[in-house]
Every structure is written in C-alpha cells, then in structure tokens.
PDB file of N, CA and C in Angstrom:
ATOM      1  N   UNK A   1     127.213  78.237 163.186  1.00  0.00           N
ATOM      2  CA  UNK A   1     128.496  79.113 163.146  1.00  0.00           C
ATOM      3  C   UNK A   1     130.157  79.388 161.738  1.00  0.00           C
ATOM      4  N   UNK A   2     130.266  80.787 161.172  1.00  0.00           N
ATOM      5  CA  UNK A   2     130.642  80.906 161.124  1.00  0.00           C
ATOM      6  C   UNK A   2     132.381  80.706 160.674  1.00  0.00           C
ATOM      7  N   UNK A   3     133.602  80.161 159.747  1.00  0.00           N
ATOM      8  CA  UNK A   3     134.630  80.558 160.379  1.00  0.00           C
ATOM      9  C   UNK A   3     135.172  81.769 160.692  1.00  0.00           C
ATOM     10  N   UNK A   4     136.953  80.838 161.422  1.00  0.00           N
ATOM     11  CA  UNK A   4     137.528  82.319 161.595  1.00  0.00           C
ATOM     12  C   UNK A   4     138.241  82.122 161.250  1.00  0.00           C
ATOM     13  N   UNK A   5     138.873  83.312 161.050  1.00  0.00           N
ATOM     14  CA  UNK A   5     139.740  83.575 160.436  1.00  0.00           C
ATOM     15  C   UNK A   5     141.359  83.497 161.385  1.00  0.00           C
ATOM     16  N   UNK A   6     142.243  82.665 160.815  1.00  0.00           N
ATOM     17  CA  UNK A   6     143.456  82.561 162.559  1.00  0.00           C
ATOM     18  C   UNK A   6     145.069  83.586 161.304  1.00  0.00           C
ATOM     19  N   UNK A   7     144.954  84.299 162.389  1.00  0.00           N
ATOM     20  CA  UNK A   7     146.740  85.076 161.724  1.00  0.00           C
ATOM     21  C   UNK A   7     147.449  83.843 161.924  1.00  0.00           C
ATOM     22  N   UNK A   8     148.385  83.323 161.243  1.00  0.00           N
ATOM     23  CA  UNK A   8     149.659  83.079 161.292  1.00  0.00           C
ATOM     24  C   UNK A   8     151.486  83.992 161.019  1.00  0.00           C
ATOM     25  N   UNK A   9     150.976  85.099 160.653  1.00  0.00           N
ATOM     26  CA  UNK A   9     151.746  86.391 160.670  1.00  0.00           C
ATOM     27  C   UNK A   9     151.299  87.309 160.112  1.00  0.00           C
ATOM     28  N   UNK A  10     151.658  88.103 160.994  1.00  0.00           N
ATOM     29  CA  UNK A  10     151.798  89.975 161.417  1.00  0.00           C
ATOM     30  C   UNK A  10     151.843  90.549 158.884  1.00  0.00           C
ATOM     31  N   UNK A  11     149.869  90.450 159.761  1.00  0.00           N
ATOM     32  CA  UNK A  11     150.412  91.219 158.393  1.00  0.00           C
ATOM     33  C   UNK A  11     151.015  92.464 157.021  1.00  0.00           C
ATOM     34  N   UNK A  12     151.149  92.009 156.221  1.00  0.00           N
ATOM     35  CA  UNK A  12     152.205  93.370 155.480  1.00  0.00           C
ATOM     36  C   UNK A  12     150.456  94.640 155.335  1.00  0.00           C
ATOM     37  N   UNK A  13     151.024  95.965 155.734  1.00  0.00           N
ATOM     38  CA  UNK A  13     150.346  96.393 155.087  1.00  0.00           C
ATOM     39  C   UNK A  13     150.589  97.491 153.971  1.00  0.00           C
ATOM     40  N   UNK A  14     152.068  97.849 154.643  1.00  0.00           N
ATOM     41  CA  UNK A  14     152.968  98.240 152.719  1.00  0.00           C
ATOM     42  C   UNK A  14     152.036  98.170 152.230  1.00  0.00           C
ATOM     43  N   UNK A  15     151.430  98.998 151.186  1.00  0.00           N
ATOM     44  CA  UNK A  15     150.910  99.156 150.025  1.00  0.00           C
ATOM     45  C   UNK A  15     151.681  99.969 148.965  1.00  0.00           C
ATOM     46  N   UNK A  16     152.637 100.614 149.044  1.00  0.00           N
ATOM     47  CA  UNK A  16     153.484 100.942 148.174  1.00  0.00           C
ATOM     48  C   UNK A  16     154.913 100.848 146.904  1.00  0.00           C
ATOM     49  N   UNK A  17     155.057 101.540 147.174  1.00  0.00           N
ATOM     50  CA  UNK A  17     156.860 101.119 145.954  1.00  0.00           C
ATOM     51  C   UNK A  17     157.587 101.202 147.202  1.00  0.00           C
ATOM     52  N   UNK A  18     158.611  99.602 146.979  1.00  0.00           N
ATOM     53  CA  UNK A  18     158.931  99.659 148.389  1.00  0.00           C
ATOM     54  C   UNK A  18     160.805 100.549 147.937  1.00  0.00           C
ATOM     55  N   UNK A  19     160.701 100.790 146.013  1.00  0.00           N
ATOM     56  CA  UNK A  19     162.005 102.052 146.239  1.00  0.00           C
ATOM     57  C   UNK A  19     162.089 102.640 145.998  1.00  0.00           C
ATOM     58  N   UNK A  20     161.200 103.786 146.056  1.00  0.00           N
ATOM     59  CA  UNK A  20     160.694 104.547 146.503  1.00  0.00           C
ATOM     60  C   UNK A  20     160.304 105.583 148.078  1.00  0.00           C
ATOM     61  N   UNK A  21     160.273 104.183 149.268  1.00  0.00           N
ATOM     62  CA  UNK A  21     160.661 104.539 150.732  1.00  0.00           C
ATOM     63  C   UNK A  21     162.361 104.491 150.843  1.00  0.00           C
ATOM     64  N   UNK A  22     162.741 103.289 149.552  1.00  0.00           N
ATOM     65  CA  UNK A  22     163.986 103.119 150.207  1.00  0.00           C
ATOM     66  C   UNK A  22     165.261 104.617 149.751  1.00  0.00           C
ATOM     67  N   UNK A  23     164.605 105.226 148.576  1.00  0.00           N
ATOM     68  CA  UNK A  23     164.904 106.163 147.922  1.00  0.00           C
ATOM     69  C   UNK A  23     164.781 107.738 148.999  1.00  0.00           C
ATOM     70  N   UNK A  24     163.787 108.019 149.594  1.00  0.00           N
ATOM     71  CA  UNK A  24     163.131 109.123 150.100  1.00  0.00           C
ATOM     72  C   UNK A  24     164.782 108.462 151.459  1.00  0.00           C
ATOM     73  N   UNK A  25     164.652 107.343 152.358  1.00  0.00           N
ATOM     74  CA  UNK A  25     165.554 107.079 153.252  1.00  0.00           C
ATOM     75  C   UNK A  25     166.674 108.154 152.980  1.00  0.00           C
ATOM     76  N   UNK A  26     167.280 107.073 151.722  1.00  0.00           N
ATOM     77  CA  UNK A  26     168.799 107.967 151.345  1.00  0.00           C
ATOM     78  C   UNK A  26     168.599 109.555 150.971  1.00  0.00           C
ATOM     79  N   UNK A  27     167.587 109.942 150.366  1.00  0.00           N
ATOM     80  CA  UNK A  27     167.591 111.320 150.651  1.00  0.00           C
ATOM     81  C   UNK A  27     167.641 112.084 152.155  1.00  0.00           C
ATOM     82  N   UNK A  28     167.132 111.397 153.112  1.00  0.00           N
ATOM     83  CA  UNK A  28     166.733 111.709 154.282  1.00  0.00           C
ATOM     84  C   UNK A  28     167.540 111.918 154.810  1.00  0.00           C
ATOM     85  N   UNK A  29     168.937 111.062 155.104  1.00  0.00           N
ATOM     86  CA  UNK A  29     170.274 111.332 155.087  1.00  0.00           C
ATOM     87  C   UNK A  29     171.039 111.368 154.582  1.00  0.00           C
ATOM     88  N   UNK A  30     170.691 112.331 153.662  1.00  0.00           N
ATOM     89  CA  UNK A  30     172.110 113.467 152.753  1.00  0.00           C
ATOM     90  C   UNK A  30     172.492 112.164 151.341  1.00  0.00           C
ATOM     91  N   UNK A  31     172.409 111.122 151.468  1.00  0.00           N
ATOM     92  CA  UNK A  31     172.553 109.974 150.011  1.00  0.00           C
ATOM     93  C   UNK A  31     173.192 110.919 148.499  1.00  0.00           C
ATOM     94  N   UNK A  32     174.083 110.745 148.675  1.00  0.00           N
ATOM     95  CA  UNK A  32     174.687 111.741 147.037  1.00  0.00           C
ATOM     96  C   UNK A  32     174.097 110.937 145.129  1.00  0.00           C
ATOM     97  N   UNK A  33     173.721 111.843 145.090  1.00  0.00           N
ATOM     98  CA  UNK A  33     173.465 110.975 143.533  1.00  0.00           C
ATOM     99  C   UNK A  33     173.197 109.621 143.333  1.00  0.00           C
ATOM    100  N   UNK A  34     171.711 109.978 144.373  1.00  0.00           N
ATOM    101  CA  UNK A  34     170.900 108.359 144.195  1.00  0.00           C
ATOM    102  C   UNK A  34     169.951 108.281 142.729  1.00  0.00           C
ATOM    103  N   UNK A  35     170.181 106.915 142.479  1.00  0.00           N
ATOM    104  CA  UNK A  35     169.703 106.500 141.308  1.00  0.00           C
ATOM    105  C   UNK A  35     168.809 104.953 140.739  1.00  0.00           C
ATOM    106  N   UNK A  36     167.852 105.544 140.116  1.00  0.00           N
ATOM    107  CA  UNK A  36     166.882 103.774 140.532  1.00  0.00           C
ATOM    108  C   UNK A  36     167.187 102.951 139.122  1.00  0.00           C
ATOM    109  N   UNK A  37     167.181 102.040 139.042  1.00  0.00           N
ATOM    110  CA  UNK A  37     167.920 101.433 137.321  1.00  0.00           C
ATOM    111  C   UNK A  37     166.417 100.861 137.709  1.00  0.00           C
ATOM    112  N   UNK A  38     166.012 100.734 136.691  1.00  0.00           N
ATOM    113  CA  UNK A  38     164.330  99.923 136.388  1.00  0.00           C
ATOM    114  C   UNK A  38     164.768  98.354 135.597  1.00  0.00           C
ATOM    115  N   UNK A  39     165.198  97.695 135.643  1.00  0.00           N
ATOM    116  CA  UNK A  39     165.414  96.487 135.017  1.00  0.00           C
ATOM    117  C   UNK A  39     164.724  95.310 134.892  1.00  0.00           C
ATOM    118  N   UNK A  40     163.248  96.191 134.591  1.00  0.00           N
ATOM    119  CA  UNK A  40     161.662  95.038 134.935  1.00  0.00           C
ATOM    120  C   UNK A  40     161.612  94.395 132.901  1.00  0.00           C
ATOM    121  N   UNK A  41     161.964  95.553 132.240  1.00  0.00           N
ATOM    122  CA  UNK A  41     161.597  95.227 130.965  1.00  0.00           C
ATOM    123  C   UNK A  41     163.395  93.852 130.497  1.00  0.00           C
ATOM    124  N   UNK A  42     163.680  94.282 131.277  1.00  0.00           N
ATOM    125  CA  UNK A  42     165.855  93.621 131.012  1.00  0.00           C
ATOM    126  C   UNK A  42     165.280  92.203 130.977  1.00  0.00           C
ATOM    127  N   UNK A  43     165.248  91.373 129.825  1.00  0.00           N
ATOM    128  CA  UNK A  43     165.224  89.491 129.904  1.00  0.00           C
ATOM    129  C   UNK A  43     166.539  89.258 130.895  1.00  0.00           C
ATOM    130  N   UNK A  44     166.493  87.309 131.558  1.00  0.00           N
ATOM    131  CA  UNK A  44     166.719  87.111 132.185  1.00  0.00           C
ATOM    132  C   UNK A  44     167.764  87.751 133.366  1.00  0.00           C
ATOM    133  N   UNK A  45     166.964  89.040 134.068  1.00  0.00           N
ATOM    134  CA  UNK A  45     167.415  89.567 134.974  1.00  0.00           C
ATOM    135  C   UNK A  45     166.379  89.558 136.402  1.00  0.00           C
ATOM    136  N   UNK A  46     167.245  89.207 137.424  1.00  0.00           N
ATOM    137  CA  UNK A  46     166.639  88.424 138.355  1.00  0.00           C
ATOM    138  C   UNK A  46     165.704  89.438 139.644  1.00  0.00           C
ATOM    139  N   UNK A  47     166.322  90.938 139.662  1.00  0.00           N
ATOM    140  CA  UNK A  47     166.158  91.125 139.994  1.00  0.00           C
ATOM    141  C   UNK A  47     164.507  93.240 139.275  1.00  0.00           C
ATOM    142  N   UNK A  48     164.083  93.807 139.907  1.00  0.00           N
ATOM    143  CA  UNK A  48     162.956  94.526 139.157  1.00  0.00           C
ATOM    144  C   UNK A  48     163.332  95.831 138.786  1.00  0.00           C
ATOM    145  N   UNK A  49     164.252  96.389 140.523  1.00  0.00           N
ATOM    146  CA  UNK A  49     164.989  96.865 140.458  1.00  0.00           C
ATOM    147  C   UNK A  49     166.723  97.615 141.348  1.00  0.00           C
ATOM    148  N   UNK A  50     167.696  98.007 140.461  1.00  0.00           N
ATOM    149  CA  UNK A  50     168.985  98.543 141.645  1.00  0.00           C
ATOM    150  C   UNK A  50     168.467  99.570 141.678  1.00  0.00           C
ATOM    151  N   UNK A  51     169.225 100.358 143.074  1.00  0.00           N
ATOM    152  CA  UNK A  51     168.861 101.124 144.000  1.00  0.00           C
ATOM    153  C   UNK A  51     169.929 101.623 143.900  1.00  0.00           C
ATOM    154  N   UNK A  52     170.358 103.020 143.262  1.00  0.00           N
ATOM    155  CA  UNK A  52     172.599 103.105 143.950  1.00  0.00           C
ATOM    156  C   UNK A  52     172.911 103.951 144.252  1.00  0.00           C
ATOM    157  N   UNK A  53     173.466 104.977 145.740  1.00  0.00           N
ATOM    158  CA  UNK A  53     173.451 105.328 146.040  1.00  0.00           C
ATOM    159  C   UNK A  53     175.523 106.040 146.713  1.00  0.00           C
ATOM    160  N   UNK A  54     175.697 107.478 146.359  1.00  0.00           N
ATOM    161  CA  UNK A  54     176.679 107.354 147.286  1.00  0.00           C
ATOM    162  C   UNK A  54     176.456 107.998 148.504  1.00  0.00           C
ATOM    163  N   UNK A  55     178.066 107.337 149.410  1.00  0.00           N
ATOM    164  CA  UNK A  55     178.410 108.079 150.761  1.00  0.00           C
ATOM    165  C   UNK A  55     179.624 108.651 150.462  1.00  0.00           C
ATOM    166  N   UNK A  56     180.182 109.346 151.445  1.00  0.00           N
ATOM    167  CA  UNK A  56     180.393 110.121 151.102  1.00  0.00           C
ATOM    168  C   UNK A  56     182.226 110.686 152.411  1.00  0.00           C
ATOM    169  N   UNK A  57     182.081 108.679 153.054  1.00  0.00           N
ATOM    170  CA  UNK A  57     182.998 108.403 153.601  1.00  0.00           C
ATOM    171  C   UNK A  57     182.387 107.285 153.780  1.00  0.00           C
ATOM    172  N   UNK A  58     183.404 105.912 154.767  1.00  0.00           N
ATOM    173  CA  UNK A  58     182.731 104.794 155.481  1.00  0.00           C
ATOM    174  C   UNK A  58     181.706 105.258 156.740  1.00  0.00           C
ATOM    175  N   UNK A  59     182.198 106.014 157.456  1.00  0.00           N
ATOM    176  CA  UNK A  59     180.398 106.091 158.442  1.00  0.00           C
ATOM    177  C   UNK A  59     179.023 106.801 158.480  1.00  0.00           C
ATOM    178  N   UNK A  60     179.464 107.172 156.782  1.00  0.00           N
ATOM    179  CA  UNK A  60     177.287 107.816 155.812  1.00  0.00           C
ATOM    180  C   UNK A  60     177.668 106.585 155.005  1.00  0.00           C
ATOM    181  N   UNK A  61     178.077 105.997 154.399  1.00  0.00           N
ATOM    182  CA  UNK A  61     177.838 104.768 153.736  1.00  0.00           C
ATOM    183  C   UNK A  61     177.173 103.673 155.389  1.00  0.00           C
ATOM    184  N   UNK A  62     177.689 103.331 156.003  1.00  0.00           N
ATOM    185  CA  UNK A  62     177.538 103.075 158.083  1.00  0.00           C
ATOM    186  C   UNK A  62     175.734 103.379 157.417  1.00  0.00           C
ATOM    187  N   UNK A  63     176.187 104.898 157.853  1.00  0.00           N
ATOM    188  CA  UNK A  63     175.185 105.486 158.026  1.00  0.00           C
ATOM    189  C   UNK A  63     173.102 105.227 157.681  1.00  0.00           C
ATOM    190  N   UNK A  64     173.642 105.833 156.394  1.00  0.00           N
ATOM    191  CA  UNK A  64     173.004 105.358 154.638  1.00  0.00           C
ATOM    192  C   UNK A  64     172.640 103.869 154.908  1.00  0.00           C
ATOM    193  N   UNK A  65     172.536 102.865 155.236  1.00  0.00           N
ATOM    194  CA  UNK A  65     172.675 101.416 155.472  1.00  0.00           C
ATOM    195  C   UNK A  65     171.464 100.938 156.451  1.00  0.00           C
ATOM    196  N   UNK A  66     172.613 101.082 157.203  1.00  0.00           N
ATOM    197  CA  UNK A  66     171.330 101.306 159.318  1.00  0.00           C
ATOM    198  C   UNK A  66     169.788 102.361 158.317  1.00  0.00           C
ATOM    199  N   UNK A  67     169.661 103.191 157.792  1.00  0.00           N
ATOM    200  CA  UNK A  67     168.771 104.216 158.214  1.00  0.00           C
ATOM    201  C   UNK A  67     167.874 102.880 157.346  1.00  0.00           C
ATOM    202  N   UNK A  68     168.232 102.608 156.353  1.00  0.00           N
ATOM    203  CA  UNK A  68     167.766 101.977 154.899  1.00  0.00           C
ATOM    204  C   UNK A  68     166.334 100.756 155.572  1.00  0.00           C
ATOM    205  N   UNK A  69     167.880 100.086 156.466  1.00  0.00           N
ATOM    206  CA  UNK A  69     166.895  99.128 156.808  1.00  0.00           C
ATOM    207  C   UNK A  69     165.988  99.482 158.150  1.00  0.00           C
ATOM    208  N   UNK A  70     165.858 100.637 158.762  1.00  0.00           N
ATOM    209  CA  UNK A  70     165.414 100.726 159.371  1.00  0.00           C
ATOM    210  C   UNK A  70     164.346 101.351 159.178  1.00  0.00           C
ATOM    211  N   UNK A  71     163.672 102.077 157.922  1.00  0.00           N
ATOM    212  CA  UNK A  71     162.777 101.835 157.731  1.00  0.00           C
ATOM    213  C   UNK A  71     162.422 101.880 157.117  1.00  0.00           C
ATOM    214  N   UNK A  72     162.618 100.567 155.697  1.00  0.00           N
ATOM    215  CA  UNK A  72     161.642  99.701 155.584  1.00  0.00           C
ATOM    216  C   UNK A  72     161.296  98.455 156.691  1.00  0.00           C
ATOM    217  N   UNK A  73     162.076  98.521 158.194  1.00  0.00           N
ATOM    218  CA  UNK A  73     161.316  97.869 158.322  1.00  0.00           C
ATOM    219  C   UNK A  73     160.211  98.352 159.593  1.00  0.00           C
ATOM    220  N   UNK A  74     160.765  99.959 160.331  1.00  0.00           N
ATOM    221  CA  UNK A  74     159.528 100.321 160.254  1.00  0.00           C
ATOM    222  C   UNK A  74     158.137 100.758 159.820  1.00  0.00           C
ATOM    223  N   UNK A  75     158.418 100.984 158.139  1.00  0.00           N
ATOM    224  CA  UNK A  75     157.378 101.759 157.598  1.00  0.00           C
ATOM    225  C   UNK A  75     157.294 100.771 156.555  1.00  0.00           C
ATOM    226  N   UNK A  76     157.350  99.139 156.512  1.00  0.00           N
ATOM    227  CA  UNK A  76     157.231  97.934 154.881  1.00  0.00           C
ATOM    228  C   UNK A  76     157.620  97.066 156.316  1.00  0.00           C
ATOM    229  N   UNK A  77     157.496  96.656 157.414  1.00  0.00           N
ATOM    230  CA  UNK A  77     157.747  95.900 158.119  1.00  0.00           C
ATOM    231  C   UNK A  77     158.596  94.947 157.057  1.00  0.00           C
ATOM    232  N   UNK A  78     159.650  95.435 156.185  1.00  0.00           N
ATOM    233  CA  UNK A  78     160.503  94.103 155.914  1.00  0.00           C
ATOM    234  C   UNK A  78     161.764  94.400 155.592  1.00  0.00           C
ATOM    235  N   UNK A  79     162.330  93.740 156.209  1.00  0.00           N
ATOM    236  CA  UNK A  79     163.911  92.993 155.801  1.00  0.00           C
ATOM    237  C   UNK A  79     165.055  92.969 155.282  1.00  0.00           C
ATOM    238  N   UNK A  80     165.844  92.780 154.717  1.00  0.00           N
ATOM    239  CA  UNK A  80     166.474  93.064 153.251  1.00  0.00           C
ATOM    240  C   UNK A  80     166.645  91.083 153.844  1.00  0.00           C
ATOM    241  N   UNK A  81     166.811  90.504 152.817  1.00  0.00           N
ATOM    242  CA  UNK A  81     167.098  89.046 153.261  1.00  0.00           C
ATOM    243  C   UNK A  81     168.439  88.741 152.972  1.00  0.00           C
ATOM    244  N   UNK A  82     169.581  89.879 152.469  1.00  0.00           N
ATOM    245  CA  UNK A  82     170.325  89.362 152.859  1.00  0.00           C
ATOM    246  C   UNK A  82     171.426  90.538 152.912  1.00  0.00           C
ATOM    247  N   UNK A  83     173.078  91.617 154.023  1.00  0.00           N
ATOM    248  CA  UNK A  83     173.741  92.902 153.674  1.00  0.00           C
ATOM    249  C   UNK A  83     175.259  92.184 154.097  1.00  0.00           C
ATOM    250  N   UNK A  84     175.700  92.982 152.450  1.00  0.00           N
ATOM    251  CA  UNK A  84     177.235  92.595 152.901  1.00  0.00           C
ATOM    252  C   UNK A  84     177.828  93.586 152.573  1.00  0.00           C
ATOM    253  N   UNK A  85     179.180  93.658 153.306  1.00  0.00           N
ATOM    254  CA  UNK A  85     179.965  95.323 153.369  1.00  0.00           C
ATOM    255  C   UNK A  85     180.139  96.093 153.835  1.00  0.00           C
ATOM    256  N   UNK A  86     179.391  95.851 154.737  1.00  0.00           N
ATOM    257  CA  UNK A  86     179.303  96.413 155.650  1.00  0.00           C
ATOM    258  C   UNK A  86     180.023  97.260 156.862  1.00  0.00           C
ATOM    259  N   UNK A  87     181.171  96.309 156.977  1.00  0.00           N
ATOM    260  CA  UNK A  87     182.482  95.881 158.290  1.00  0.00           C
ATOM    261  C   UNK A  87     183.138  97.021 157.530  1.00  0.00           C
ATOM    262  N   UNK A  88     184.047  97.133 155.559  1.00  0.00           N
ATOM    263  CA  UNK A  88     184.256  97.382 155.506  1.00  0.00           C
ATOM    264  C   UNK A  88     183.812  99.839 154.734  1.00  0.00           C
ATOM    265  N   UNK A  89     182.761  98.529 154.335  1.00  0.00           N
ATOM    266  CA  UNK A  89     182.250 100.165 153.907  1.00  0.00           C
ATOM    267  C   UNK A  89     182.108 100.727 152.676  1.00  0.00           C
ATOM    268  N   UNK A  90     183.054 100.500 151.804  1.00  0.00           N
ATOM    269  CA  UNK A  90     183.384 101.202 150.618  1.00  0.00           C
ATOM    270  C   UNK A  90     182.354 101.132 149.430  1.00  0.00           C
ATOM    271  N   UNK A  91     181.284  99.902 149.943  1.00  0.00           N
ATOM    272  CA  UNK A  91     180.596  99.186 149.003  1.00  0.00           C
ATOM    273  C   UNK A  91     179.292  98.457 149.303  1.00  0.00           C
ATOM    274  N   UNK A  92     178.158  98.619 150.372  1.00  0.00           N
ATOM    275  CA  UNK A  92     177.315  98.054 150.965  1.00  0.00           C
ATOM    276  C   UNK A  92     176.179  97.720 149.919  1.00  0.00           C
ATOM    277  N   UNK A  93     175.783  96.290 149.986  1.00  0.00           N
ATOM    278  CA  UNK A  93     174.027  96.228 149.152  1.00  0.00           C
ATOM    279  C   UNK A  93     173.965  94.988 150.153  1.00  0.00           C
ATOM    280  N   UNK A  94     172.050  95.766 150.188  1.00  0.00           N
ATOM    281  CA  UNK A  94     171.482  94.960 150.429  1.00  0.00           C
ATOM    282  C   UNK A  94     170.391  94.241 149.830  1.00  0.00           C
ATOM    283  N   UNK A  95     170.086  93.132 150.103  1.00  0.00           N
ATOM    284  CA  UNK A  95     169.605  92.864 149.415  1.00  0.00           C
ATOM    285  C   UNK A  95     167.922  92.680 149.965  1.00  0.00           C
ATOM    286  N   UNK A  96     166.808  93.503 148.664  1.00  0.00           N
ATOM    287  CA  UNK A  96     165.448  93.461 149.167  1.00  0.00           C
ATOM    288  C   UNK A  96     164.326  92.637 148.321  1.00  0.00           C
ATOM    289  N   UNK A  97     165.136  91.538 148.273  1.00  0.00           N
ATOM    290  CA  UNK A  97     164.648  89.883 146.997  1.00  0.00           C
ATOM    291  C   UNK A  97     164.770  91.210 145.313  1.00  0.00           C
ATOM    292  N   UNK A  98     163.409  91.856 144.894  1.00  0.00           N
ATOM    293  CA  UNK A  98     163.431  92.151 143.988  1.00  0.00           C
ATOM    294  C   UNK A  98     164.736  93.751 143.294  1.00  0.00           C
ATOM    295  N   UNK A  99     164.075  94.507 144.632  1.00  0.00           N
ATOM    296  CA  UNK A  99     165.109  95.433 144.538  1.00  0.00           C
ATOM    297  C   UNK A  99     166.644  95.413 145.390  1.00  0.00           C
ATOM    298  N   UNK A 100     167.295  96.233 145.581  1.00  0.00           N
ATOM    299  CA  UNK A 100     168.818  95.192 145.092  1.00  0.00           C
ATOM    300  C   UNK A 100     170.016  97.218 146.113  1.00  0.00           C
ATOM    301  N   UNK A 101     170.137  97.396 146.695  1.00  0.00           N
ATOM    302  CA  UNK A 101     170.291  98.511 146.967  1.00  0.00           C
ATOM    303  C   UNK A 101     171.771  98.423 147.604  1.00  0.00           C
ATOM    304  N   UNK A 102     172.159  99.061 145.971  1.00  0.00           N
ATOM    305  CA  UNK A 102     174.271  99.622 146.655  1.00  0.00           C
ATOM    306  C   UNK A 102     174.681 101.109 147.051  1.00  0.00           C
ATOM    307  N   UNK A 103     174.913 100.688 147.570  1.00  0.00           N
ATOM    308  CA  UNK A 103     175.163 101.714 148.510  1.00  0.00           C
ATOM    309  C   UNK A 103     177.111 102.108 148.821  1.00  0.00           C
ATOM    310  N   UNK A 104     177.784 102.998 147.426  1.00  0.00           N
ATOM    311  CA  UNK A 104     179.433 102.809 147.389  1.00  0.00           C
ATOM    312  C   UNK A 104     179.835 104.299 148.404  1.00  0.00           C
ATOM    313  N   UNK A 105     180.829 104.074 148.516  1.00  0.00           N
ATOM    314  CA  UNK A 105     181.765 105.399 148.644  1.00  0.00           C
ATOM    315  C   UNK A 105     182.373 105.784 147.176  1.00  0.00           C
ATOM    316  N   UNK A 106     182.754 107.435 146.853  1.00  0.00           N
ATOM    317  CA  UNK A 106     183.116 107.346 145.684  1.00  0.00           C
ATOM    318  C   UNK A 106     183.589 106.901 144.622  1.00  0.00           C
ATOM    319  N   UNK A 107     184.884 106.428 145.198  1.00  0.00           N
ATOM    320  CA  UNK A 107     186.145 105.763 144.206  1.00  0.00           C
ATOM    321  C   UNK A 107     185.396 103.890 143.700  1.00  0.00           C
ATOM    322  N   UNK A 108     185.145 104.047 145.248  1.00  0.00           N
ATOM    323  CA  UNK A 108     184.567 102.636 143.949  1.00  0.00           C
ATOM    324  C   UNK A 108     183.214 102.129 143.313  1.00  0.00           C
ATOM    325  N   UNK A 109     182.414 103.205 143.605  1.00  0.00           N
ATOM    326  CA  UNK A 109     181.109 104.224 142.255  1.00  0.00           C
ATOM    327  C   UNK A 109     182.302 104.340 141.316  1.00  0.00           C
ATOM    328  N   UNK A 110     182.528 104.713 141.151  1.00  0.00           N
ATOM    329  CA  UNK A 110     183.238 105.111 140.055  1.00  0.00           C
ATOM    330  C   UNK A 110     183.989 103.869 139.317  1.00  0.00           C
ATOM    331  N   UNK A 111     184.951 103.635 140.473  1.00  0.00           N
ATOM    332  CA  UNK A 111     185.842 102.278 139.996  1.00  0.00           C
ATOM    333  C   UNK A 111     184.856 100.471 139.122  1.00  0.00           C
ATOM    334  N   UNK A 112     183.342 100.985 139.804  1.00  0.00           N
ATOM    335  CA  UNK A 112     182.389  99.464 139.114  1.00  0.00           C
ATOM    336  C   UNK A 112     182.414 100.066 138.199  1.00  0.00           C
ATOM    337  N   UNK A 113     181.445 101.109 138.033  1.00  0.00           N
ATOM    338  CA  UNK A 113     180.092 101.939 136.759  1.00  0.00           C
ATOM    339  C   UNK A 113     179.380 101.390 136.993  1.00  0.00           C
ATOM    340  N   UNK A 114     178.256 100.883 137.800  1.00  0.00           N
ATOM    341  CA  UNK A 114     177.175 100.079 138.199  1.00  0.00           C
ATOM    342  C   UNK A 114     176.423 100.340 136.581  1.00  0.00           C
ATOM    343  N   UNK A 115     175.891 101.716 136.868  1.00  0.00           N
ATOM    344  CA  UNK A 115     175.105 102.055 135.948  1.00  0.00           C
ATOM    345  C   UNK A 115     175.320 101.782 134.120  1.00  0.00           C
ATOM    346  N   UNK A 116     176.637 102.021 134.585  1.00  0.00           N
ATOM    347  CA  UNK A 116     177.812 101.587 132.218  1.00  0.00           C
ATOM    348  C   UNK A 116     176.807  99.797 132.107  1.00  0.00           C
ATOM    349  N   UNK A 117     177.081  99.152 133.540  1.00  0.00           N
ATOM    350  CA  UNK A 117     176.387  98.382 133.081  1.00  0.00           C
ATOM    351  C   UNK A 117     175.129  97.788 132.359  1.00  0.00           C
ATOM    352  N   UNK A 118     174.159  98.622 133.047  1.00  0.00           N
ATOM    353  CA  UNK A 118     173.278  98.402 132.897  1.00  0.00           C
ATOM    354  C   UNK A 118     172.283  99.621 131.724  1.00  0.00           C
ATOM    355  N   UNK A 119     173.009 100.198 130.540  1.00  0.00           N
ATOM    356  CA  UNK A 119     173.112 101.452 129.668  1.00  0.00           C
ATOM    357  C   UNK A 119     171.470 101.270 129.324  1.00  0.00           C
ATOM    358  N   UNK A 120     171.017  99.642 129.375  1.00  0.00           N
ATOM    359  CA  UNK A 120     169.406  99.766 128.303  1.00  0.00           C
ATOM    360  C   UNK A 120     168.684  99.688 129.136  1.00  0.00           C
ATOM    361  N   UNK A 121     168.878  99.898 130.539  1.00  0.00           N
ATOM    362  CA  UNK A 121     167.512  99.598 131.290  1.00  0.00           C
ATOM    363  C   UNK A 121     166.999 101.427 130.989  1.00  0.00           C
ATOM    364  N   UNK A 122     165.831 101.616 131.540  1.00  0.00           N
ATOM    365  CA  UNK A 122     165.470 102.194 132.778  1.00  0.00           C
ATOM    366  C   UNK A 122     165.957 102.956 133.245  1.00  0.00           C
ATOM    367  N   UNK A 123     167.190 104.531 133.314  1.00  0.00           N
ATOM    368  CA  UNK A 123     167.690 104.742 134.401  1.00  0.00           C
ATOM    369  C   UNK A 123     167.442 106.298 135.090  1.00  0.00           C
ATOM    370  N   UNK A 124     166.720 106.861 136.185  1.00  0.00           N
ATOM    371  CA  UNK A 124     166.487 107.996 137.129  1.00  0.00           C
ATOM    372  C   UNK A 124     167.617 107.976 137.632  1.00  0.00           C
ATOM    373  N   UNK A 125     167.212 109.739 137.772  1.00  0.00           N
ATOM    374  CA  UNK A 125     168.474 110.337 138.492  1.00  0.00           C
ATOM    375  C   UNK A 125     167.674 110.867 139.300  1.00  0.00           C
ATOM    376  N   UNK A 126     168.418 111.548 140.342  1.00  0.00           N
ATOM    377  CA  UNK A 126     167.354 112.017 141.400  1.00  0.00           C
ATOM    378  C   UNK A 126     168.021 112.620 141.791  1.00  0.00           C
TER     379      UNK A 126
END
C-alpha cells in the first residue's frame, strides 16, 4: 500500500504576484497615485516591494486598508503579519513580509515623501 499524504495546513493555491493583487484592490477602491517601488536590486533591504497609495480622507484610507486585507485573504489566503495606523488613518502600514503597503492621506504622503527615500529603486507610477 502507498503512503498517504497528510495535509497539515491549507495549501496556498495563489500563484500570482501579490503586489499586483494589492494594486488591483487599491485601484478598485479608487486609491490615488498608486506606486510600486521595487527594492529587489537594492542591497541590505528586507523587503521586495513597497506599494504606496493615497486615500482622500481618514475613512478612505481605512476602507483601502480593509479592502486590501479582504482581497488578499480571499484570493491568496494571506493575511498581513502586521498592521499599523488604522485608528489614526493618516498613514496605514500593512506588512506582508516581502511586500509592505503604505496608505497615506495626502498631507502625510507629501510630508514623508517615501518615494524620494528610494530614488535608486525601480519606481512604477500607475
């Protein structure tokens, strides 16, 4: 008799690029100035990509955050390992280990200018 494979956890069947799924979710909920910063070629960086987006208000930022989590859970079976800033709603961070999502209100995004910190990375504005 052959050996049986014992499933110890739900297998992740998602084969796509998680950053593309996140970008699509942000665009579906009218995220503004969605930008992907590819950090793979930068030495000593712990993340592969940053996805940056602007929400038009605290409620919009929170909605974007909730929808990204909903879509990544539903489509890829993945939850962020850390979420910060939802209560304040000025700058929300979702940490998907290799991909970090930053959702800002306009004033916070202008103040921090996160893209300028990584001007040696490949930056794609959508």
